[in-house]
Amino acid sequence: MKMVCDLLRFVPNGQHFIVVENKKIDVFSVSDAQVVRSIELPGRIHAVDFIERGGEQPPVLVAGVEGATLHLVNYHPDVSPNVVQSIS
């Protein structure tokens, strides 16, 4: 696999990693490097990280997008992601 990305982060459980390019986040499986989910946000993504919620709940993906907006995304590789909240 050869690609250029803006950011790369591993999901806390170590089973997936995310690749950010412009407005798009691709979630890859570590075991086979296949895309398992894609997330498109409304602006260029400048920063991403995960917030652990504890217990069995999946982490929240936090994305800093141009225009000084934070997007909080419910993250789970088996379920379609949804933006929980956008903060300007």
C-alpha atoms as a PDB file:
ATOM      1  CA  MET A   1       0.000   0.000   0.000  1.00  0.00           C
ATOM      2  CA  LYS A   2       1.344   3.419  -0.904  1.00  0.00           C
ATOM      3  CA  MET A   3      -0.443   6.647  -0.065  1.00  0.00           C
ATOM      4  CA  VAL A   4       0.172  10.144   1.229  1.00  0.00           C
ATOM      5  CA  CYS A   5      -1.722  11.260   4.313  1.00  0.00           C
ATOM      6  CA  ASP A   6      -1.962  14.298   6.559  1.00  0.00           C
ATOM      7  CA  LEU A   7      -2.286  12.384   9.856  1.00  0.00           C
ATOM      8  CA  LEU A   8      -2.120   8.811  11.119  1.00  0.00           C
ATOM      9  CA  ARG A   9      -3.363   7.595  14.522  1.00  0.00           C
ATOM     10  CA  PHE A  10      -3.902   4.180  16.073  1.00  0.00           C
ATOM     11  CA  VAL A  11      -7.212   3.417  17.741  1.00  0.00           C
ATOM     12  CA  PRO A  12      -6.651   2.765  21.480  1.00  0.00           C
ATOM     13  CA  ASN A  13      -7.536  -0.949  21.217  1.00  0.00           C
ATOM     14  CA  GLY A  14      -4.758  -1.422  18.626  1.00  0.00           C
ATOM     15  CA  GLN A  15      -7.012  -3.225  16.128  1.00  0.00           C
ATOM     16  CA  HIS A  16      -7.423  -0.288  13.743  1.00  0.00           C
ATOM     17  CA  PHE A  17      -5.661   2.834  12.606  1.00  0.00           C
ATOM     18  CA  ILE A  18      -6.993   5.979  10.970  1.00  0.00           C
ATOM     19  CA  VAL A  19      -5.553   7.859   8.042  1.00  0.00           C
ATOM     20  CA  VAL A  20      -6.573  11.472   7.463  1.00  0.00           C
ATOM     21  CA  GLU A  21      -6.406  13.122   4.082  1.00  0.00           C
ATOM     22  CA  ASN A  22      -7.951  16.580   3.708  1.00  0.00           C
ATOM     23  CA  LYS A  23     -11.648  16.175   4.765  1.00  0.00           C
ATOM     24  CA  LYS A  24     -11.707  12.382   4.920  1.00  0.00           C
ATOM     25  CA  ILE A  25     -10.861   9.861   7.639  1.00  0.00           C
ATOM     26  CA  ASP A  26     -10.351   6.241   6.609  1.00  0.00           C
ATOM     27  CA  VAL A  27     -10.360   3.537   9.284  1.00  0.00           C
ATOM     28  CA  PHE A  28      -8.106   0.573   8.438  1.00  0.00           C
ATOM     29  CA  SER A  29      -7.856  -2.864  10.003  1.00  0.00           C
ATOM     30  CA  VAL A  30      -4.349  -3.545  11.351  1.00  0.00           C
ATOM     31  CA  SER A  31      -4.628  -7.240  10.489  1.00  0.00           C
ATOM     32  CA  ASP A  32      -5.121  -6.818   6.729  1.00  0.00           C
ATOM     33  CA  ALA A  33      -4.748  -3.050   6.034  1.00  0.00           C
ATOM     34  CA  GLN A  34      -8.239  -2.903   4.472  1.00  0.00           C
ATOM     35  CA  VAL A  35     -10.531   0.118   4.868  1.00  0.00           C
ATOM     36  CA  VAL A  36     -13.393  -0.788   7.209  1.00  0.00           C
ATOM     37  CA  ARG A  37     -15.019   2.650   7.470  1.00  0.00           C
ATOM     38  CA  SER A  38     -14.752   6.141   5.973  1.00  0.00           C
ATOM     39  CA  ILE A  39     -15.835   9.396   7.597  1.00  0.00           C
ATOM     40  CA  GLU A  40     -16.226  12.638   5.637  1.00  0.00           C
ATOM     41  CA  LEU A  41     -16.253  15.940   7.540  1.00  0.00           C
ATOM     42  CA  PRO A  42     -17.234  19.381   6.174  1.00  0.00           C
ATOM     43  CA  GLY A  43     -13.759  20.953   6.260  1.00  0.00           C
ATOM     44  CA  ARG A  44     -10.053  20.167   6.159  1.00  0.00           C
ATOM     45  CA  ILE A  45      -9.034  18.129   9.214  1.00  0.00           C
ATOM     46  CA  HIS A  46      -6.054  19.536  11.120  1.00  0.00           C
ATOM     47  CA  ALA A  47      -5.967  17.269  14.195  1.00  0.00           C
ATOM     48  CA  VAL A  48      -7.505  14.009  15.426  1.00  0.00           C
ATOM     49  CA  ASP A  49      -7.373  12.035  18.644  1.00  0.00           C
ATOM     50  CA  PHE A  50      -9.428   9.595  20.674  1.00  0.00           C
ATOM     51  CA  ILE A  51     -11.085  10.104  24.058  1.00  0.00           C
ATOM     52  CA  GLU A  52     -11.628   6.940  26.088  1.00  0.00           C
ATOM     53  CA  ARG A  53     -15.015   6.692  27.823  1.00  0.00           C
ATOM     54  CA  GLY A  54     -14.248   3.629  29.912  1.00  0.00           C
ATOM     55  CA  GLY A  55     -16.037   0.351  30.271  1.00  0.00           C
ATOM     56  CA  GLU A  56     -17.332  -1.301  27.119  1.00  0.00           C
ATOM     57  CA  GLN A  57     -18.135   1.975  25.372  1.00  0.00           C
ATOM     58  CA  PRO A  58     -16.115   2.731  22.228  1.00  0.00           C
ATOM     59  CA  PRO A  59     -13.913   5.814  22.250  1.00  0.00           C
ATOM     60  CA  VAL A  60     -15.007   9.153  20.841  1.00  0.00           C
ATOM     61  CA  LEU A  61     -13.025  10.434  17.873  1.00  0.00           C
ATOM     62  CA  VAL A  62     -12.296  14.152  18.149  1.00  0.00           C
ATOM     63  CA  ALA A  63     -11.452  15.981  14.924  1.00  0.00           C
ATOM     64  CA  GLY A  64     -10.315  19.589  14.724  1.00  0.00           C
ATOM     65  CA  VAL A  65     -11.542  21.023  11.424  1.00  0.00           C
ATOM     66  CA  GLU A  66     -10.655  24.287   9.683  1.00  0.00           C
ATOM     67  CA  GLY A  67     -12.769  27.173  10.852  1.00  0.00           C
ATOM     68  CA  ALA A  68     -11.978  26.370  14.498  1.00  0.00           C
ATOM     69  CA  THR A  69     -14.609  23.629  14.786  1.00  0.00           C
ATOM     70  CA  LEU A  70     -14.343  20.408  16.795  1.00  0.00           C
ATOM     71  CA  HIS A  71     -16.366  17.397  15.680  1.00  0.00           C
ATOM     72  CA  LEU A  72     -17.049  14.617  18.185  1.00  0.00           C
ATOM     73  CA  VAL A  73     -17.740  11.347  16.380  1.00  0.00           C
ATOM     74  CA  ASN A  74     -19.025   8.117  17.941  1.00  0.00           C
ATOM     75  CA  TYR A  75     -16.383   5.676  16.788  1.00  0.00           C
ATOM     76  CA  HIS A  76     -16.916   1.978  16.292  1.00  0.00           C
ATOM     77  CA  PRO A  77     -15.512   0.119  13.281  1.00  0.00           C
ATOM     78  CA  ASP A  78     -18.629  -2.060  12.887  1.00  0.00           C
ATOM     79  CA  VAL A  79     -21.220   0.718  13.089  1.00  0.00           C
ATOM     80  CA  SER A  80     -21.680   3.749  10.832  1.00  0.00           C
ATOM     81  CA  PRO A  81     -20.083   6.721  12.589  1.00  0.00           C
ATOM     82  CA  ASN A  82     -22.190   9.697  13.472  1.00  0.00           C
ATOM     83  CA  VAL A  83     -21.171  13.185  14.496  1.00  0.00           C
ATOM     84  CA  VAL A  84     -22.390  13.545  18.065  1.00  0.00           C
ATOM     85  CA  GLN A  85     -21.614  17.222  18.401  1.00  0.00           C
ATOM     86  CA  SER A  86     -19.925  20.056  16.536  1.00  0.00           C
ATOM     87  CA  ILE A  87     -18.427  22.854  18.626  1.00  0.00           C
ATOM     88  CA  SER A  88     -17.391  26.166  17.101  1.00  0.00           C
END
